[in-house]
Amino acid sequence: MTEAVIDTLVFDEIADLMGDAISEFIGVYLDNSPKLLEGIGSALPAGDIDSVISNAHQLKGGSGSIGAMQVFQYAKQLEDGAREGSLDNLSVLFEELKVAYKLVDAELRLHL
């Protein structure tokens, strides 16, 4: 992966718009994202397509807003794959998503 963990253009834009509230925004993202990952992780083996779609969609949105573009891309691929009606082969993608999120988490904590 050569892409930056956080897209600085996106992050700087949201930080400029939010001012001092950026720390709260980061905190909400860091609080919610693990719950969404857990939801995906539970839904995949259970075959719960709707939960995979919902959790991945929410994670995609929050990640895109904060500039976590690798997480955004993996969440989008999971959502798209589930929308196709099958969860087959999505577990590998989910593992890659978790690794990408750990990097984002560490990077964002530097801004708190």
N, C-alpha and C. Protein backbone atom coordinates (compact mmCIF):
# COMPACT_ATOMS: atom_id res chain seq x y z
N MET A 1 0.84 -1.18 0.00
CA MET A 1 0.00 0.00 0.00
C MET A 1 0.89 1.24 0.00
N THR A 2 0.81 2.00 -1.02
CA THR A 2 1.59 3.21 -1.09
C THR A 2 0.76 4.45 -0.77
N GLU A 3 -0.55 4.28 -0.73
CA GLU A 3 -1.45 5.38 -0.42
C GLU A 3 -1.26 5.81 1.03
N ALA A 4 -1.36 7.11 1.29
CA ALA A 4 -1.22 7.62 2.65
C ALA A 4 -2.33 7.06 3.53
N VAL A 5 -2.03 6.89 4.81
CA VAL A 5 -3.03 6.38 5.75
C VAL A 5 -4.22 7.35 5.80
N ILE A 6 -3.92 8.63 5.88
CA ILE A 6 -4.94 9.69 5.89
C ILE A 6 -4.64 10.63 4.73
N ASP A 7 -5.63 10.89 3.92
CA ASP A 7 -5.51 11.85 2.82
C ASP A 7 -5.47 13.24 3.45
N THR A 8 -4.31 13.87 3.42
CA THR A 8 -4.15 15.15 4.11
C THR A 8 -5.01 16.26 3.52
N LEU A 9 -5.29 16.21 2.23
CA LEU A 9 -6.16 17.23 1.64
C LEU A 9 -7.56 17.16 2.23
N VAL A 10 -8.10 15.96 2.33
CA VAL A 10 -9.44 15.78 2.91
C VAL A 10 -9.42 16.13 4.39
N PHE A 11 -8.43 15.61 5.11
CA PHE A 11 -8.36 15.85 6.55
C PHE A 11 -8.19 17.34 6.85
N ASP A 12 -7.28 17.99 6.14
CA ASP A 12 -7.04 19.42 6.39
C ASP A 12 -8.28 20.25 6.09
N GLU A 13 -9.02 19.86 5.06
CA GLU A 13 -10.25 20.60 4.72
C GLU A 13 -11.29 20.48 5.82
N ILE A 14 -11.50 19.27 6.32
CA ILE A 14 -12.48 19.09 7.39
C ILE A 14 -11.99 19.74 8.68
N ALA A 15 -10.69 19.68 8.93
CA ALA A 15 -10.13 20.32 10.13
C ALA A 15 -10.31 21.83 10.07
N ASP A 16 -10.09 22.42 8.89
CA ASP A 16 -10.30 23.87 8.73
C ASP A 16 -11.75 24.24 8.95
N LEU A 17 -12.66 23.44 8.42
CA LEU A 17 -14.08 23.71 8.56
C LEU A 17 -14.55 23.57 10.01
N MET A 18 -14.01 22.59 10.71
CA MET A 18 -14.48 22.29 12.06
C MET A 18 -13.74 23.05 13.15
N GLY A 19 -12.56 23.53 12.85
CA GLY A 19 -11.80 24.25 13.86
C GLY A 19 -11.51 23.37 15.06
N ASP A 20 -11.79 23.89 16.26
CA ASP A 20 -11.49 23.15 17.49
C ASP A 20 -12.33 21.89 17.65
N ALA A 21 -13.44 21.81 16.94
CA ALA A 21 -14.32 20.64 17.05
C ALA A 21 -13.76 19.41 16.35
N ILE A 22 -12.64 19.54 15.66
CA ILE A 22 -12.07 18.40 14.94
C ILE A 22 -11.71 17.27 15.90
N SER A 23 -11.27 17.62 17.10
CA SER A 23 -10.93 16.57 18.08
C SER A 23 -12.16 15.74 18.44
N GLU A 24 -13.29 16.41 18.58
CA GLU A 24 -14.52 15.70 18.88
C GLU A 24 -14.92 14.80 17.70
N PHE A 25 -14.78 15.32 16.49
CA PHE A 25 -15.09 14.56 15.28
C PHE A 25 -14.22 13.30 15.20
N ILE A 26 -12.93 13.47 15.46
CA ILE A 26 -12.02 12.32 15.48
C ILE A 26 -12.45 11.33 16.55
N GLY A 27 -12.77 11.84 17.73
CA GLY A 27 -13.20 10.97 18.83
C GLY A 27 -14.43 10.15 18.48
N VAL A 28 -15.41 10.79 17.85
CA VAL A 28 -16.63 10.07 17.45
C VAL A 28 -16.28 8.99 16.43
N TYR A 29 -15.44 9.34 15.47
CA TYR A 29 -15.02 8.36 14.46
C TYR A 29 -14.32 7.17 15.12
N LEU A 30 -13.40 7.46 16.05
CA LEU A 30 -12.65 6.39 16.71
C LEU A 30 -13.52 5.57 17.66
N ASP A 31 -14.59 6.16 18.18
CA ASP A 31 -15.53 5.42 19.02
C ASP A 31 -16.46 4.53 18.18
N ASN A 32 -16.95 5.07 17.08
CA ASN A 32 -17.94 4.35 16.27
C ASN A 32 -17.35 3.29 15.36
N SER A 33 -16.19 3.55 14.81
CA SER A 33 -15.63 2.64 13.81
C SER A 33 -15.40 1.22 14.33
N PRO A 34 -14.85 1.03 15.53
CA PRO A 34 -14.69 -0.34 16.02
C PRO A 34 -16.02 -1.09 16.15
N LYS A 35 -17.09 -0.37 16.51
CA LYS A 35 -18.41 -1.00 16.61
C LYS A 35 -18.89 -1.45 15.23
N LEU A 36 -18.62 -0.63 14.22
CA LEU A 36 -19.01 -0.98 12.85
C LEU A 36 -18.19 -2.17 12.35
N LEU A 37 -16.90 -2.18 12.67
CA LEU A 37 -16.05 -3.32 12.30
C LEU A 37 -16.53 -4.60 12.99
N GLU A 38 -16.90 -4.47 14.25
CA GLU A 38 -17.42 -5.62 14.99
C GLU A 38 -18.71 -6.12 14.36
N GLY A 39 -19.56 -5.18 13.93
CA GLY A 39 -20.80 -5.55 13.26
C GLY A 39 -20.55 -6.32 11.98
N ILE A 40 -19.58 -5.87 11.20
CA ILE A 40 -19.23 -6.58 9.97
C ILE A 40 -18.66 -7.96 10.31
N GLY A 41 -17.77 -7.98 11.30
CA GLY A 41 -17.14 -9.24 11.70
C GLY A 41 -18.13 -10.27 12.20
N SER A 42 -19.20 -9.83 12.84
CA SER A 42 -20.25 -10.75 13.30
C SER A 42 -21.18 -11.16 12.17
N ALA A 43 -21.45 -10.22 11.28
CA ALA A 43 -22.42 -10.47 10.20
C ALA A 43 -21.87 -11.39 9.12
N LEU A 44 -20.58 -11.32 8.84
CA LEU A 44 -20.01 -12.16 7.77
C LEU A 44 -20.22 -13.65 8.01
N PRO A 45 -19.78 -14.20 9.16
CA PRO A 45 -19.97 -15.64 9.34
C PRO A 45 -21.43 -16.03 9.53
N ALA A 46 -22.26 -15.08 9.96
CA ALA A 46 -23.68 -15.36 10.15
C ALA A 46 -24.47 -15.30 8.84
N GLY A 47 -23.81 -14.80 7.80
CA GLY A 47 -24.49 -14.68 6.51
C GLY A 47 -25.50 -13.55 6.46
N ASP A 48 -25.32 -12.56 7.34
CA ASP A 48 -26.27 -11.44 7.44
C ASP A 48 -25.87 -10.33 6.47
N ILE A 49 -26.33 -10.44 5.25
CA ILE A 49 -25.97 -9.50 4.19
C ILE A 49 -26.37 -8.08 4.54
N ASP A 50 -27.59 -7.90 5.08
CA ASP A 50 -28.07 -6.55 5.40
C ASP A 50 -27.17 -5.86 6.43
N SER A 51 -26.71 -6.59 7.42
CA SER A 51 -25.83 -5.99 8.43
C SER A 51 -24.47 -5.64 7.86
N VAL A 52 -23.97 -6.50 6.99
CA VAL A 52 -22.69 -6.18 6.34
C VAL A 52 -22.85 -4.89 5.55
N ILE A 53 -23.91 -4.79 4.78
CA ILE A 53 -24.14 -3.59 3.96
C ILE A 53 -24.26 -2.36 4.85
N SER A 54 -25.08 -2.43 5.88
CA SER A 54 -25.32 -1.28 6.75
C SER A 54 -24.05 -0.81 7.46
N ASN A 55 -23.34 -1.76 8.08
CA ASN A 55 -22.13 -1.40 8.81
C ASN A 55 -21.04 -0.90 7.88
N ALA A 56 -20.86 -1.56 6.74
CA ALA A 56 -19.83 -1.13 5.79
C ALA A 56 -20.17 0.25 5.22
N HIS A 57 -21.45 0.49 4.96
CA HIS A 57 -21.87 1.78 4.42
C HIS A 57 -21.57 2.91 5.42
N GLN A 58 -21.89 2.69 6.68
CA GLN A 58 -21.62 3.71 7.70
C GLN A 58 -20.13 3.93 7.87
N LEU A 59 -19.35 2.86 7.87
CA LEU A 59 -17.90 2.99 8.01
C LEU A 59 -17.32 3.72 6.81
N LYS A 60 -17.82 3.42 5.64
CA LYS A 60 -17.38 4.08 4.41
C LYS A 60 -17.61 5.59 4.50
N GLY A 61 -18.79 5.98 4.93
CA GLY A 61 -19.12 7.40 5.02
C GLY A 61 -18.24 8.16 6.00
N GLY A 62 -18.10 7.63 7.19
CA GLY A 62 -17.26 8.29 8.19
C GLY A 62 -15.81 8.35 7.77
N SER A 63 -15.34 7.28 7.16
CA SER A 63 -13.94 7.22 6.73
C SER A 63 -13.66 8.21 5.61
N GLY A 64 -14.58 8.30 4.67
CA GLY A 64 -14.41 9.26 3.57
C GLY A 64 -14.40 10.68 4.08
N SER A 65 -15.23 10.96 5.08
CA SER A 65 -15.32 12.32 5.63
C SER A 65 -14.04 12.77 6.32
N ILE A 66 -13.34 11.80 6.91
CA ILE A 66 -12.15 12.16 7.68
C ILE A 66 -10.86 11.96 6.89
N GLY A 67 -10.98 11.38 5.70
CA GLY A 67 -9.79 11.20 4.86
C GLY A 67 -9.12 9.85 4.96
N ALA A 68 -9.80 8.89 5.60
CA ALA A 68 -9.25 7.54 5.73
C ALA A 68 -9.62 6.75 4.47
N MET A 69 -8.93 7.04 3.40
CA MET A 69 -9.34 6.56 2.08
C MET A 69 -9.13 5.06 1.86
N GLN A 70 -8.13 4.46 2.50
CA GLN A 70 -7.96 3.01 2.39
C GLN A 70 -9.13 2.30 3.06
N VAL A 71 -9.49 2.76 4.25
CA VAL A 71 -10.63 2.18 4.96
C VAL A 71 -11.89 2.40 4.13
N PHE A 72 -12.04 3.60 3.58
CA PHE A 72 -13.17 3.91 2.72
C PHE A 72 -13.27 2.91 1.58
N GLN A 73 -12.16 2.66 0.89
CA GLN A 73 -12.16 1.75 -0.26
C GLN A 73 -12.50 0.31 0.13
N TYR A 74 -11.92 -0.16 1.23
CA TYR A 74 -12.23 -1.53 1.68
C TYR A 74 -13.69 -1.64 2.09
N ALA A 75 -14.20 -0.66 2.81
CA ALA A 75 -15.60 -0.68 3.24
C ALA A 75 -16.52 -0.63 2.02
N LYS A 76 -16.16 0.16 1.02
CA LYS A 76 -16.95 0.23 -0.20
C LYS A 76 -16.97 -1.12 -0.92
N GLN A 77 -15.82 -1.76 -1.00
CA GLN A 77 -15.75 -3.07 -1.66
C GLN A 77 -16.58 -4.11 -0.91
N LEU A 78 -16.55 -4.05 0.43
CA LEU A 78 -17.37 -4.97 1.23
C LEU A 78 -18.85 -4.70 0.99
N GLU A 79 -19.22 -3.43 1.03
CA GLU A 79 -20.62 -3.06 0.79
C GLU A 79 -21.07 -3.52 -0.60
N ASP A 80 -20.27 -3.21 -1.59
CA ASP A 80 -20.61 -3.59 -2.97
C ASP A 80 -20.71 -5.11 -3.12
N GLY A 81 -19.77 -5.82 -2.52
CA GLY A 81 -19.79 -7.28 -2.59
C GLY A 81 -21.04 -7.86 -1.95
N ALA A 82 -21.42 -7.32 -0.80
CA ALA A 82 -22.62 -7.79 -0.11
C ALA A 82 -23.88 -7.44 -0.91
N ARG A 83 -23.88 -6.28 -1.53
CA ARG A 83 -25.04 -5.88 -2.34
C ARG A 83 -25.24 -6.81 -3.54
N GLU A 84 -24.17 -7.45 -3.96
CA GLU A 84 -24.27 -8.43 -5.05
C GLU A 84 -24.94 -9.71 -4.59
N GLY A 85 -25.19 -9.81 -3.27
CA GLY A 85 -25.97 -10.93 -2.74
C GLY A 85 -25.18 -12.09 -2.19
N SER A 86 -23.89 -11.96 -2.07
CA SER A 86 -23.08 -13.06 -1.55
C SER A 86 -21.97 -12.52 -0.66
N LEU A 87 -21.73 -13.25 0.41
CA LEU A 87 -20.64 -12.86 1.32
C LEU A 87 -19.40 -13.71 1.08
N ASP A 88 -19.46 -14.58 0.07
CA ASP A 88 -18.32 -15.43 -0.27
C ASP A 88 -17.11 -14.55 -0.60
N ASN A 89 -15.97 -14.95 -0.10
CA ASN A 89 -14.69 -14.28 -0.40
C ASN A 89 -14.55 -12.89 0.21
N LEU A 90 -15.48 -12.48 1.06
CA LEU A 90 -15.36 -11.15 1.67
C LEU A 90 -14.55 -11.17 2.96
N SER A 91 -14.28 -12.34 3.50
CA SER A 91 -13.54 -12.40 4.77
C SER A 91 -12.10 -11.93 4.61
N VAL A 92 -11.48 -12.20 3.47
CA VAL A 92 -10.12 -11.72 3.22
C VAL A 92 -10.12 -10.19 3.14
N LEU A 93 -11.08 -9.66 2.46
CA LEU A 93 -11.23 -8.21 2.35
C LEU A 93 -11.44 -7.58 3.73
N PHE A 94 -12.24 -8.25 4.55
CA PHE A 94 -12.48 -7.76 5.91
C PHE A 94 -11.18 -7.72 6.72
N GLU A 95 -10.34 -8.73 6.56
CA GLU A 95 -9.05 -8.74 7.26
C GLU A 95 -8.19 -7.55 6.82
N GLU A 96 -8.20 -7.25 5.53
CA GLU A 96 -7.44 -6.10 5.02
C GLU A 96 -8.02 -4.79 5.57
N LEU A 97 -9.33 -4.74 5.68
CA LEU A 97 -9.99 -3.56 6.26
C LEU A 97 -9.54 -3.34 7.70
N LYS A 98 -9.49 -4.41 8.48
CA LYS A 98 -9.07 -4.27 9.88
C LYS A 98 -7.64 -3.76 9.99
N VAL A 99 -6.75 -4.25 9.15
CA VAL A 99 -5.36 -3.78 9.16
C VAL A 99 -5.30 -2.29 8.81
N ALA A 100 -6.03 -1.90 7.77
CA ALA A 100 -6.06 -0.49 7.36
C ALA A 100 -6.62 0.39 8.47
N TYR A 101 -7.65 -0.10 9.16
CA TYR A 101 -8.24 0.70 10.24
C TYR A 101 -7.25 0.90 11.39
N LYS A 102 -6.49 -0.12 11.73
CA LYS A 102 -5.50 0.02 12.81
C LYS A 102 -4.51 1.15 12.50
N LEU A 103 -4.11 1.26 11.25
CA LEU A 103 -3.19 2.34 10.85
C LEU A 103 -3.87 3.70 10.98
N VAL A 104 -5.12 3.77 10.57
CA VAL A 104 -5.88 5.03 10.67
C VAL A 104 -6.05 5.42 12.12
N ASP A 105 -6.42 4.46 12.95
CA ASP A 105 -6.61 4.72 14.37
C ASP A 105 -5.35 5.34 14.97
N ALA A 106 -4.21 4.73 14.70
CA ALA A 106 -2.94 5.25 15.24
C ALA A 106 -2.65 6.65 14.72
N GLU A 107 -2.88 6.86 13.44
CA GLU A 107 -2.60 8.18 12.84
C GLU A 107 -3.52 9.26 13.42
N LEU A 108 -4.81 8.95 13.55
CA LEU A 108 -5.76 9.96 14.03
C LEU A 108 -5.51 10.29 15.50
N ARG A 109 -5.06 9.33 16.27
CA ARG A 109 -4.81 9.61 17.69
C ARG A 109 -3.69 10.65 17.87
N LEU A 110 -2.85 10.81 16.85
CA LEU A 110 -1.81 11.84 16.91
C LEU A 110 -2.41 13.24 16.83
N HIS A 111 -3.66 13.34 16.35
CA HIS A 111 -4.31 14.65 16.19
C HIS A 111 -5.22 15.00 17.36
N LEU A 112 -5.27 14.14 18.37
CA LEU A 112 -6.13 14.42 19.52
C LEU A 112 -5.41 15.25 20.57
